[in-house]
């Protein structure tokens, strides 16, 4: 069984998590990069995910040419040491083709010392197999988030792993509440296993939406069968009559209510006003 979710950063812009949480069962999101960069959307994404109870985890973009211990300290300082899961993104090569594995391992041990949690590693087979050498035995102790955009039913794994926890399979994933494409991911397991793995799922009561009411500004304001002025006439609203919004539609702006469809605004003329 696989569960679809996303990963995001400031590149996705502002996300409405109240809307997105109805569609997204998990998310990992960028926190830091190197020793000094804090993702501009981190705090907003963190607050939105926490408020809606979505299973989530922060990730750090690892820079192999920067002090790995300082990077770990910067990451945990900004993410906080309260998360059940942390992720490190490993996709940048070191200068002069130096081994990425050695400074990465220092980073991993530092995070574990600071937060008492072992990171999951995000990488691809192509990057890992080329830039991590010799292949370290310690990879078996770290869960894998593998990046592989393919139509195949299974991803290609980096050397050292035999299974994956999350598979990032596309960078063209659209979901309600987000206006741009994000990265799409599969979690390798059931919804319950996904929630257990992230460790911070929280059931949240759905928001209460109060009915929107509109008031007629004209006498004999037509009520139609459909949102079209040529549709069959079902009667009229008097000036001051109020209706509750059921649906919006039409070429201009029409409102559907218990009696039918009525124009709210058409050809620049306003026929109804929204009541607070």
Protein backbone atom coordinates (compact mmCIF):
# COMPACT_ATOMS: atom_id res chain seq x y z
CA UNK A 1 0.00 0.00 0.00
CA UNK A 2 1.17 3.54 -0.78
CA UNK A 3 -0.02 6.92 0.45
CA UNK A 4 0.49 10.03 -1.68
CA UNK A 5 1.81 13.24 -0.11
CA UNK A 6 4.07 16.19 -0.90
CA UNK A 7 7.20 18.09 -0.02
CA UNK A 8 7.36 21.89 -0.25
CA UNK A 9 9.55 24.94 0.23
CA UNK A 10 9.34 28.66 -0.56
CA UNK A 11 9.25 27.77 -4.26
CA UNK A 12 5.59 26.75 -3.86
CA UNK A 13 4.64 30.16 -2.42
CA UNK A 14 1.92 30.60 0.19
CA UNK A 15 -0.07 27.43 0.85
CA UNK A 16 -3.54 27.40 2.37
CA UNK A 17 -3.14 24.43 4.72
CA UNK A 18 -6.76 24.61 5.87
CA UNK A 19 -7.69 23.63 2.32
CA UNK A 20 -4.65 21.46 1.55
CA UNK A 21 -5.02 19.41 4.74
CA UNK A 22 -8.24 17.94 3.37
CA UNK A 23 -6.23 16.37 0.53
CA UNK A 24 -2.65 15.90 1.79
CA UNK A 25 -2.05 13.10 4.35
CA UNK A 26 1.64 13.99 4.93
CA UNK A 27 4.25 16.59 4.05
CA UNK A 28 7.94 17.23 4.59
CA UNK A 29 9.07 20.81 4.16
CA UNK A 30 12.28 22.79 3.89
CA UNK A 31 13.67 24.40 7.00
CA UNK A 32 17.32 25.28 6.43
CA UNK A 33 20.13 25.19 3.88
CA UNK A 34 23.81 25.15 4.82
CA UNK A 35 24.92 27.15 7.87
CA UNK A 36 22.83 30.32 7.56
CA UNK A 37 19.83 30.03 5.23
CA UNK A 38 16.32 29.72 6.67
CA UNK A 39 13.59 28.98 4.15
CA UNK A 40 11.27 32.04 3.95
CA UNK A 41 8.16 29.81 4.02
CA UNK A 42 9.30 27.56 6.85
CA UNK A 43 7.47 29.25 9.72
CA UNK A 44 4.23 29.63 7.75
CA UNK A 45 4.32 26.01 6.59
CA UNK A 46 5.19 24.81 10.08
CA UNK A 47 2.32 26.76 11.64
CA UNK A 48 -0.15 25.66 8.98
CA UNK A 49 0.74 21.98 9.21
CA UNK A 50 0.69 22.00 13.00
CA UNK A 51 -2.65 23.81 13.12
CA UNK A 52 -4.27 21.24 10.82
CA UNK A 53 -2.65 18.19 12.42
CA UNK A 54 -1.01 16.98 9.18
CA UNK A 55 1.88 14.48 9.72
CA UNK A 56 4.99 16.46 8.82
CA UNK A 57 8.76 16.72 9.21
CA UNK A 58 11.32 19.47 8.47
CA UNK A 59 14.29 18.92 6.19
CA UNK A 60 17.75 20.44 5.88
CA UNK A 61 19.50 20.96 2.53
CA UNK A 62 23.02 19.68 3.12
CA UNK A 63 26.05 21.59 1.83
CA UNK A 64 29.09 19.25 1.95
CA UNK A 65 31.64 22.10 1.78
CA UNK A 66 30.29 23.77 4.92
CA UNK A 67 30.90 22.75 8.53
CA UNK A 68 28.55 19.78 9.12
CA UNK A 69 28.31 20.33 12.88
CA UNK A 70 27.40 24.01 12.40
CA UNK A 71 24.77 22.96 9.85
CA UNK A 72 23.22 20.50 12.31
CA UNK A 73 23.11 23.17 15.01
CA UNK A 74 21.50 25.68 12.63
CA UNK A 75 18.93 23.10 11.53
CA UNK A 76 17.83 22.05 15.00
CA UNK A 77 17.93 25.62 16.31
CA UNK A 78 15.35 26.64 13.69
CA UNK A 79 13.32 23.45 13.44
CA UNK A 80 13.36 22.87 17.24
CA UNK A 81 14.38 19.63 18.90
CA UNK A 82 10.77 18.53 19.34
CA UNK A 83 10.16 16.65 16.07
CA UNK A 84 9.79 12.85 15.97
CA UNK A 85 11.33 12.91 12.46
CA UNK A 86 14.00 14.93 10.67
CA UNK A 87 15.20 14.68 7.07
CA UNK A 88 18.44 15.68 5.36
CA UNK A 89 18.44 16.44 1.63
CA UNK A 90 21.66 15.17 0.01
CA UNK A 91 21.95 16.24 -3.63
CA UNK A 92 24.86 18.72 -3.82
CA UNK A 93 28.39 17.59 -4.67
CA UNK A 94 31.48 18.67 -2.77
CA UNK A 95 34.19 20.78 -4.39
CA UNK A 96 36.97 18.88 -6.14
CA UNK A 97 34.76 15.76 -6.11
CA UNK A 98 35.49 15.11 -2.44
CA UNK A 99 33.54 12.36 -0.69
CA UNK A 100 30.15 13.63 0.52
CA UNK A 101 29.70 10.72 2.92
CA UNK A 102 32.22 11.74 5.56
CA UNK A 103 30.84 15.25 6.34
CA UNK A 104 27.29 13.91 5.99
CA UNK A 105 27.91 11.32 8.67
CA UNK A 106 29.20 14.05 10.98
CA UNK A 107 25.99 16.00 10.34
CA UNK A 108 23.83 12.94 11.05
CA UNK A 109 25.59 12.20 14.33
CA UNK A 110 25.31 15.86 15.37
CA UNK A 111 21.56 15.97 14.72
CA UNK A 112 21.12 12.75 16.67
CA UNK A 113 23.08 14.23 19.57
CA UNK A 114 21.06 17.44 19.57
CA UNK A 115 17.56 16.08 18.97
CA UNK A 116 17.87 12.42 20.05
CA UNK A 117 16.35 11.46 16.69
CA UNK A 118 17.97 9.78 13.70
CA UNK A 119 17.52 11.57 10.35
CA UNK A 120 16.07 10.01 7.24
CA UNK A 121 18.20 10.61 4.13
CA UNK A 122 16.77 12.07 0.93
CA UNK A 123 18.87 11.38 -2.16
CA UNK A 124 18.86 9.73 -5.60
CA UNK A 125 20.71 6.68 -6.86
CA UNK A 126 22.47 8.75 -9.51
CA UNK A 127 23.84 11.28 -7.04
CA UNK A 128 24.64 8.93 -4.17
CA UNK A 129 26.40 6.31 -6.28
CA UNK A 130 28.63 8.94 -7.88
CA UNK A 131 29.48 11.22 -4.95
CA UNK A 132 29.51 8.99 -1.86
CA UNK A 133 32.57 6.73 -1.88
CA UNK A 134 33.51 4.30 -0.61
CA UNK A 135 29.95 3.17 0.07
CA UNK A 136 29.54 3.47 3.87
CA UNK A 137 28.23 0.59 5.95
CA UNK A 138 26.28 2.98 8.19
CA UNK A 139 23.58 3.68 5.57
CA UNK A 140 21.66 0.62 6.78
CA UNK A 141 20.91 2.57 9.98
CA UNK A 142 19.13 5.39 8.13
CA UNK A 143 15.80 5.28 6.34
CA UNK A 144 15.73 6.33 2.69
CA UNK A 145 13.66 8.97 0.92
CA UNK A 146 14.53 8.29 -2.70
CA UNK A 147 14.14 10.73 -5.60
CA UNK A 148 13.44 9.03 -8.90
CA UNK A 149 11.12 10.45 -11.56
CA UNK A 150 10.04 7.46 -13.59
CA UNK A 151 7.00 5.60 -14.86
CA UNK A 152 8.34 2.39 -13.34
CA UNK A 153 6.42 0.81 -10.48
CA UNK A 154 9.48 0.87 -8.20
CA UNK A 155 12.33 3.39 -7.86
CA UNK A 156 16.01 2.68 -8.44
CA UNK A 157 17.71 2.64 -5.03
CA UNK A 158 21.16 4.00 -4.13
CA UNK A 159 23.83 1.46 -3.25
CA UNK A 160 23.51 0.39 0.39
CA UNK A 161 19.70 0.37 0.65
CA UNK A 162 17.32 -2.46 -0.12
CA UNK A 163 14.06 -0.61 0.58
CA UNK A 164 12.61 2.91 0.73
CA UNK A 165 10.34 4.75 3.16
CA UNK A 166 9.24 7.62 0.86
CA UNK A 167 9.60 7.88 -2.91
CA UNK A 168 9.62 11.35 -4.50
CA UNK A 169 8.33 10.45 -7.95
CA UNK A 170 7.38 13.75 -9.62
CA UNK A 171 7.92 17.50 -9.53
CA UNK A 172 4.53 18.19 -11.15
CA UNK A 173 2.13 17.48 -8.31
CA UNK A 174 -0.81 19.86 -7.93
CA UNK A 175 -3.13 19.92 -4.93
CA UNK A 176 -5.86 22.27 -3.63
CA UNK A 177 -4.54 25.12 -1.54
CA UNK A 178 -1.29 25.40 -3.50
CA UNK A 179 -1.16 27.52 -6.66
CA UNK A 180 1.97 25.97 -8.18
CA UNK A 181 3.40 22.53 -8.81
CA UNK A 182 5.02 20.77 -5.87
CA UNK A 183 6.91 17.50 -5.55
CA UNK A 184 4.74 14.41 -5.25
CA UNK A 185 5.70 11.52 -2.99
CA UNK A 186 4.60 8.01 -2.13
CA UNK A 187 4.81 6.75 1.45
CA UNK A 188 5.63 3.05 1.53
CA UNK A 189 2.85 1.81 3.79
CA UNK A 190 -0.70 2.38 4.99
CA UNK A 191 -2.18 5.66 6.23
CA UNK A 192 -1.86 4.45 9.81
CA UNK A 193 1.79 3.51 9.24
CA UNK A 194 2.41 6.92 7.66
CA UNK A 195 0.94 8.72 10.66
CA UNK A 196 2.93 6.54 13.05
CA UNK A 197 6.19 7.15 11.15
CA UNK A 198 5.89 10.94 11.24
CA UNK A 199 4.67 10.72 14.82
CA UNK A 200 2.80 14.03 15.02
CA UNK A 201 -0.58 13.36 13.44
CA UNK A 202 -3.43 15.05 15.25
CA UNK A 203 -7.11 14.79 14.40
CA UNK A 204 -8.61 18.25 13.95
CA UNK A 205 -12.27 19.10 13.90
CA UNK A 206 -13.34 20.48 10.50
CA UNK A 207 -13.79 24.24 10.41
CA UNK A 208 -17.27 25.59 10.97
CA UNK A 209 -18.49 27.62 8.03
CA UNK A 210 -21.29 30.05 8.73
CA UNK A 211 -23.87 30.46 6.02
CA UNK A 212 -23.31 33.41 3.70
CA UNK A 213 -26.43 35.48 3.17
CA UNK A 214 -27.20 37.91 0.35
CA UNK A 215 -29.86 40.64 0.27
CA UNK A 216 -31.74 41.83 -2.76
CA UNK A 217 -31.16 45.48 -3.68
CA UNK A 218 -34.13 45.63 -6.10
CA UNK A 219 -37.82 44.85 -6.24
CA UNK A 220 -38.83 42.07 -8.63
CA UNK A 221 -35.32 40.63 -8.85
CA UNK A 222 -35.76 37.52 -11.00
CA UNK A 223 -35.20 34.00 -9.72
CA UNK A 224 -34.20 31.70 -12.61
CA UNK A 225 -33.98 27.94 -13.07
CA UNK A 226 -30.29 28.19 -14.09
CA UNK A 227 -27.60 30.95 -13.96
CA UNK A 228 -28.68 32.55 -17.23
CA UNK A 229 -30.98 35.52 -17.83
CA UNK A 230 -32.74 33.59 -20.58
CA UNK A 231 -33.51 30.66 -18.27
CA UNK A 232 -37.08 29.97 -17.11
CA UNK A 233 -38.40 32.52 -14.58
CA UNK A 234 -39.30 30.94 -11.22
CA UNK A 235 -40.45 34.11 -9.49
CA UNK A 236 -38.94 37.24 -7.94
CA UNK A 237 -37.23 38.54 -4.83
CA UNK A 238 -38.45 41.78 -3.28
CA UNK A 239 -36.06 44.51 -2.20
CA UNK A 240 -34.57 43.51 1.17
CA UNK A 241 -35.29 39.78 0.76
CA UNK A 242 -32.39 37.62 1.99
CA UNK A 243 -31.23 34.19 0.80
CA UNK A 244 -28.47 31.82 1.93
CA UNK A 245 -25.65 31.03 -0.48
CA UNK A 246 -25.66 27.47 -1.77
CA UNK A 247 -23.46 27.79 -4.87
CA UNK A 248 -21.96 30.40 -7.18
CA UNK A 249 -22.13 30.16 -10.96
CA UNK A 250 -22.93 31.80 -14.27
CA UNK A 251 -21.00 33.89 -16.78
CA UNK A 252 -21.03 36.89 -14.47
CA UNK A 253 -21.93 36.22 -10.82
CA UNK A 254 -25.04 34.25 -9.93
CA UNK A 255 -26.03 32.74 -6.61
CA UNK A 256 -27.98 29.53 -6.12
CA UNK A 257 -30.33 29.43 -3.13
CA UNK A 258 -33.39 27.51 -2.00
CA UNK A 259 -35.64 29.17 -4.60
CA UNK A 260 -33.35 29.00 -7.64
CA UNK A 261 -30.69 31.19 -9.28
CA UNK A 262 -30.44 34.99 -8.94
CA UNK A 263 -27.93 37.36 -10.51
CA UNK A 264 -25.62 39.06 -8.01
CA UNK A 265 -23.71 41.15 -10.53
CA UNK A 266 -24.07 41.35 -14.30
CA UNK A 267 -22.70 43.72 -16.91
CA UNK A 268 -21.31 45.95 -14.15
CA UNK A 269 -24.63 46.23 -12.25
CA UNK A 270 -24.85 44.95 -8.65
CA UNK A 271 -28.20 43.38 -7.80
CA UNK A 272 -27.44 41.85 -4.39
CA UNK A 273 -25.14 42.56 -1.44
CA UNK A 274 -23.37 40.12 0.87
CA UNK A 275 -24.53 40.33 4.48
CA UNK A 276 -21.99 39.74 7.28
